[in-house]
Amino acid sequence: GKGLPFREAHEVVGRLVGLSVERGVGLRDLSPEDLRSACPLFGPDAAGRLDARLSLSLRTAEGAPSPGRVAERLTWWR
C-alpha cells in the first residue's frame, strides 16, 4: 500500500515470518522496531495490516486471490 512492489513486499514478510518463528511469536507480536528494521515503510498501522484475510481482500487485480475474484472465477467455471 506504500508503493513497494509485491515481490519485494513478499520478501520482507518472509523475513518477518522467519523472525517470528525464531522468537516463537506471531507476526502481530513483533515490535514496531522489528517491522521497520525489515522495511522502513512500515508505519504505526503496520501490525494491523499483518492479517491474511485483509491481505487477500486487497488483492483485486485480474486473477488475484481476493474472495470476490475467486467467487467470480467459480461462477465462470460453473
N, C-alpha and C. Protein backbone atom coordinates (compact mmCIF):
# COMPACT_ATOMS: atom_id res chain seq x y z
N GLY A 1 0.80 -1.20 0.00
CA GLY A 1 0.00 0.00 0.00
C GLY A 1 0.84 1.26 0.00
N LYS A 2 2.15 1.13 0.05
CA LYS A 2 3.01 2.31 0.09
C LYS A 2 3.98 2.34 -1.08
N GLY A 3 3.63 1.61 -2.13
CA GLY A 3 4.43 1.65 -3.34
C GLY A 3 5.50 0.58 -3.46
N LEU A 4 5.63 -0.28 -2.49
CA LEU A 4 6.61 -1.36 -2.56
C LEU A 4 6.07 -2.45 -3.49
N PRO A 5 6.84 -2.86 -4.50
CA PRO A 5 6.36 -3.91 -5.39
C PRO A 5 6.05 -5.19 -4.62
N PHE A 6 5.06 -5.93 -5.09
CA PHE A 6 4.61 -7.13 -4.39
C PHE A 6 5.76 -8.09 -4.12
N ARG A 7 6.60 -8.34 -5.12
CA ARG A 7 7.67 -9.32 -4.92
C ARG A 7 8.61 -8.90 -3.80
N GLU A 8 8.86 -7.59 -3.64
CA GLU A 8 9.71 -7.11 -2.56
C GLU A 8 8.97 -7.20 -1.22
N ALA A 9 7.70 -6.87 -1.22
CA ALA A 9 6.89 -6.98 0.00
C ALA A 9 6.83 -8.43 0.45
N HIS A 10 6.72 -9.34 -0.49
CA HIS A 10 6.68 -10.77 -0.17
C HIS A 10 7.97 -11.18 0.53
N GLU A 11 9.09 -10.69 0.04
CA GLU A 11 10.39 -10.99 0.64
C GLU A 11 10.49 -10.41 2.06
N VAL A 12 10.01 -9.19 2.25
CA VAL A 12 10.02 -8.57 3.58
C VAL A 12 9.19 -9.39 4.56
N VAL A 13 8.00 -9.78 4.14
CA VAL A 13 7.14 -10.57 5.02
C VAL A 13 7.78 -11.93 5.31
N GLY A 14 8.45 -12.50 4.35
CA GLY A 14 9.17 -13.76 4.57
C GLY A 14 10.22 -13.62 5.67
N ARG A 15 10.95 -12.49 5.65
CA ARG A 15 11.94 -12.25 6.71
C ARG A 15 11.25 -12.11 8.06
N LEU A 16 10.12 -11.42 8.08
CA LEU A 16 9.39 -11.24 9.33
C LEU A 16 8.83 -12.56 9.86
N VAL A 17 8.36 -13.41 8.95
CA VAL A 17 7.88 -14.73 9.37
C VAL A 17 9.04 -15.51 9.99
N GLY A 18 10.20 -15.46 9.35
CA GLY A 18 11.37 -16.14 9.90
C GLY A 18 11.72 -15.63 11.29
N LEU A 19 11.66 -14.32 11.48
CA LEU A 19 11.94 -13.72 12.79
C LEU A 19 10.91 -14.16 13.82
N SER A 20 9.65 -14.18 13.43
CA SER A 20 8.60 -14.57 14.38
C SER A 20 8.73 -16.05 14.76
N VAL A 21 9.11 -16.90 13.80
CA VAL A 21 9.32 -18.32 14.10
C VAL A 21 10.51 -18.48 15.04
N GLU A 22 11.58 -17.76 14.75
CA GLU A 22 12.78 -17.82 15.58
C GLU A 22 12.47 -17.43 17.03
N ARG A 23 11.62 -16.44 17.21
CA ARG A 23 11.27 -15.96 18.55
C ARG A 23 10.10 -16.72 19.16
N GLY A 24 9.40 -17.50 18.36
CA GLY A 24 8.24 -18.23 18.86
C GLY A 24 7.05 -17.35 19.14
N VAL A 25 6.87 -16.31 18.32
CA VAL A 25 5.75 -15.38 18.48
C VAL A 25 5.03 -15.24 17.15
N GLY A 26 3.84 -14.65 17.18
CA GLY A 26 3.10 -14.37 15.96
C GLY A 26 3.60 -13.09 15.31
N LEU A 27 3.26 -12.90 14.04
CA LEU A 27 3.65 -11.68 13.34
C LEU A 27 3.18 -10.43 14.07
N ARG A 28 1.97 -10.48 14.58
CA ARG A 28 1.42 -9.31 15.27
C ARG A 28 2.13 -9.01 16.58
N ASP A 29 2.92 -9.96 17.07
CA ASP A 29 3.65 -9.76 18.31
C ASP A 29 5.02 -9.11 18.11
N LEU A 30 5.43 -8.96 16.87
CA LEU A 30 6.70 -8.28 16.60
C LEU A 30 6.55 -6.79 16.90
N SER A 31 7.61 -6.19 17.36
CA SER A 31 7.56 -4.77 17.73
C SER A 31 7.58 -3.89 16.49
N PRO A 32 7.13 -2.65 16.63
CA PRO A 32 7.23 -1.71 15.50
C PRO A 32 8.68 -1.56 15.02
N GLU A 33 9.63 -1.65 15.93
CA GLU A 33 11.05 -1.56 15.55
C GLU A 33 11.46 -2.76 14.70
N ASP A 34 10.96 -3.95 15.07
CA ASP A 34 11.23 -5.15 14.26
C ASP A 34 10.70 -4.95 12.84
N LEU A 35 9.49 -4.44 12.75
CA LEU A 35 8.86 -4.24 11.44
C LEU A 35 9.64 -3.23 10.61
N ARG A 36 10.00 -2.11 11.22
CA ARG A 36 10.75 -1.08 10.50
C ARG A 36 12.15 -1.54 10.12
N SER A 37 12.74 -2.44 10.93
CA SER A 37 14.06 -2.95 10.56
C SER A 37 13.97 -3.82 9.31
N ALA A 38 12.84 -4.45 9.09
CA ALA A 38 12.64 -5.26 7.89
C ALA A 38 12.34 -4.37 6.68
N CYS A 39 11.64 -3.26 6.94
CA CYS A 39 11.29 -2.33 5.85
C CYS A 39 10.93 -0.98 6.46
N PRO A 40 11.66 0.06 6.12
CA PRO A 40 11.39 1.39 6.70
C PRO A 40 10.02 1.98 6.34
N LEU A 41 9.32 1.36 5.39
CA LEU A 41 8.00 1.87 5.01
C LEU A 41 6.92 1.52 6.03
N PHE A 42 7.21 0.58 6.95
CA PHE A 42 6.22 0.23 7.96
C PHE A 42 5.97 1.42 8.87
N GLY A 43 4.70 1.75 9.07
CA GLY A 43 4.32 2.84 9.95
C GLY A 43 3.58 2.32 11.17
N PRO A 44 2.96 3.21 11.92
CA PRO A 44 2.25 2.81 13.14
C PRO A 44 1.10 1.84 12.90
N ASP A 45 0.55 1.83 11.70
CA ASP A 45 -0.57 0.95 11.39
C ASP A 45 -0.14 -0.43 10.91
N ALA A 46 1.15 -0.71 10.89
CA ALA A 46 1.67 -1.92 10.27
C ALA A 46 1.15 -3.20 10.89
N ALA A 47 1.13 -3.29 12.20
CA ALA A 47 0.71 -4.54 12.85
C ALA A 47 -0.70 -4.92 12.44
N GLY A 48 -1.58 -3.95 12.28
CA GLY A 48 -2.95 -4.22 11.87
C GLY A 48 -3.07 -4.70 10.43
N ARG A 49 -2.03 -4.46 9.64
CA ARG A 49 -2.05 -4.88 8.24
C ARG A 49 -1.55 -6.30 8.05
N LEU A 50 -0.99 -6.89 9.10
CA LEU A 50 -0.45 -8.26 9.01
C LEU A 50 -1.55 -9.26 9.29
N ASP A 51 -2.52 -9.29 8.42
CA ASP A 51 -3.68 -10.16 8.56
C ASP A 51 -3.95 -10.79 7.21
N ALA A 52 -3.98 -12.11 7.17
CA ALA A 52 -4.13 -12.83 5.90
C ALA A 52 -5.43 -12.45 5.18
N ARG A 53 -6.53 -12.37 5.91
CA ARG A 53 -7.80 -12.03 5.24
C ARG A 53 -7.76 -10.64 4.64
N LEU A 54 -7.21 -9.69 5.37
CA LEU A 54 -7.09 -8.33 4.85
C LEU A 54 -6.20 -8.33 3.61
N SER A 55 -5.07 -9.02 3.70
CA SER A 55 -4.15 -9.06 2.56
C SER A 55 -4.82 -9.63 1.31
N LEU A 56 -5.56 -10.72 1.49
CA LEU A 56 -6.26 -11.31 0.35
C LEU A 56 -7.32 -10.38 -0.22
N SER A 57 -8.05 -9.71 0.66
CA SER A 57 -9.13 -8.83 0.19
C SER A 57 -8.60 -7.65 -0.61
N LEU A 58 -7.35 -7.27 -0.37
CA LEU A 58 -6.76 -6.14 -1.09
C LEU A 58 -6.20 -6.55 -2.45
N ARG A 59 -6.08 -7.83 -2.70
CA ARG A 59 -5.52 -8.31 -3.97
C ARG A 59 -6.67 -8.51 -4.96
N THR A 60 -7.01 -7.46 -5.69
CA THR A 60 -8.21 -7.48 -6.53
C THR A 60 -7.94 -7.44 -8.03
N ALA A 61 -6.70 -7.51 -8.45
CA ALA A 61 -6.40 -7.49 -9.88
C ALA A 61 -6.94 -8.77 -10.53
N GLU A 62 -7.03 -8.77 -11.84
CA GLU A 62 -7.48 -9.95 -12.58
C GLU A 62 -6.62 -11.15 -12.19
N GLY A 63 -7.27 -12.24 -11.77
CA GLY A 63 -6.56 -13.45 -11.39
C GLY A 63 -6.04 -13.46 -9.97
N ALA A 64 -6.28 -12.39 -9.23
CA ALA A 64 -5.79 -12.30 -7.85
C ALA A 64 -6.67 -13.12 -6.91
N PRO A 65 -6.18 -13.39 -5.69
CA PRO A 65 -6.90 -14.29 -4.79
C PRO A 65 -7.91 -13.64 -3.84
N SER A 66 -8.39 -12.44 -4.14
CA SER A 66 -9.39 -11.85 -3.24
C SER A 66 -10.66 -12.70 -3.27
N PRO A 67 -11.41 -12.72 -2.18
CA PRO A 67 -12.65 -13.52 -2.16
C PRO A 67 -13.59 -13.18 -3.32
N GLY A 68 -13.69 -11.91 -3.66
CA GLY A 68 -14.55 -11.52 -4.77
C GLY A 68 -14.09 -12.08 -6.10
N ARG A 69 -12.78 -12.03 -6.35
CA ARG A 69 -12.24 -12.56 -7.60
C ARG A 69 -12.39 -14.07 -7.67
N VAL A 70 -12.18 -14.75 -6.55
CA VAL A 70 -12.34 -16.20 -6.52
C VAL A 70 -13.80 -16.56 -6.79
N ALA A 71 -14.72 -15.83 -6.18
CA ALA A 71 -16.15 -16.09 -6.41
C ALA A 71 -16.51 -15.89 -7.88
N GLU A 72 -15.97 -14.82 -8.49
CA GLU A 72 -16.22 -14.58 -9.92
C GLU A 72 -15.75 -15.76 -10.76
N ARG A 73 -14.56 -16.26 -10.44
CA ARG A 73 -13.99 -17.35 -11.23
C ARG A 73 -14.79 -18.63 -11.03
N LEU A 74 -15.23 -18.89 -9.81
CA LEU A 74 -16.05 -20.07 -9.56
C LEU A 74 -17.35 -20.01 -10.35
N THR A 75 -17.95 -18.83 -10.38
CA THR A 75 -19.18 -18.64 -11.15
C THR A 75 -18.90 -18.89 -12.62
N TRP A 76 -17.82 -18.37 -13.12
CA TRP A 76 -17.45 -18.57 -14.53
C TRP A 76 -17.30 -20.05 -14.84
N TRP A 77 -16.63 -20.80 -13.98
CA TRP A 77 -16.41 -22.21 -14.22
C TRP A 77 -17.70 -23.02 -14.13
N ARG A 78 -18.61 -22.59 -13.27
CA ARG A 78 -19.88 -23.32 -13.16
C ARG A 78 -20.70 -23.08 -14.40
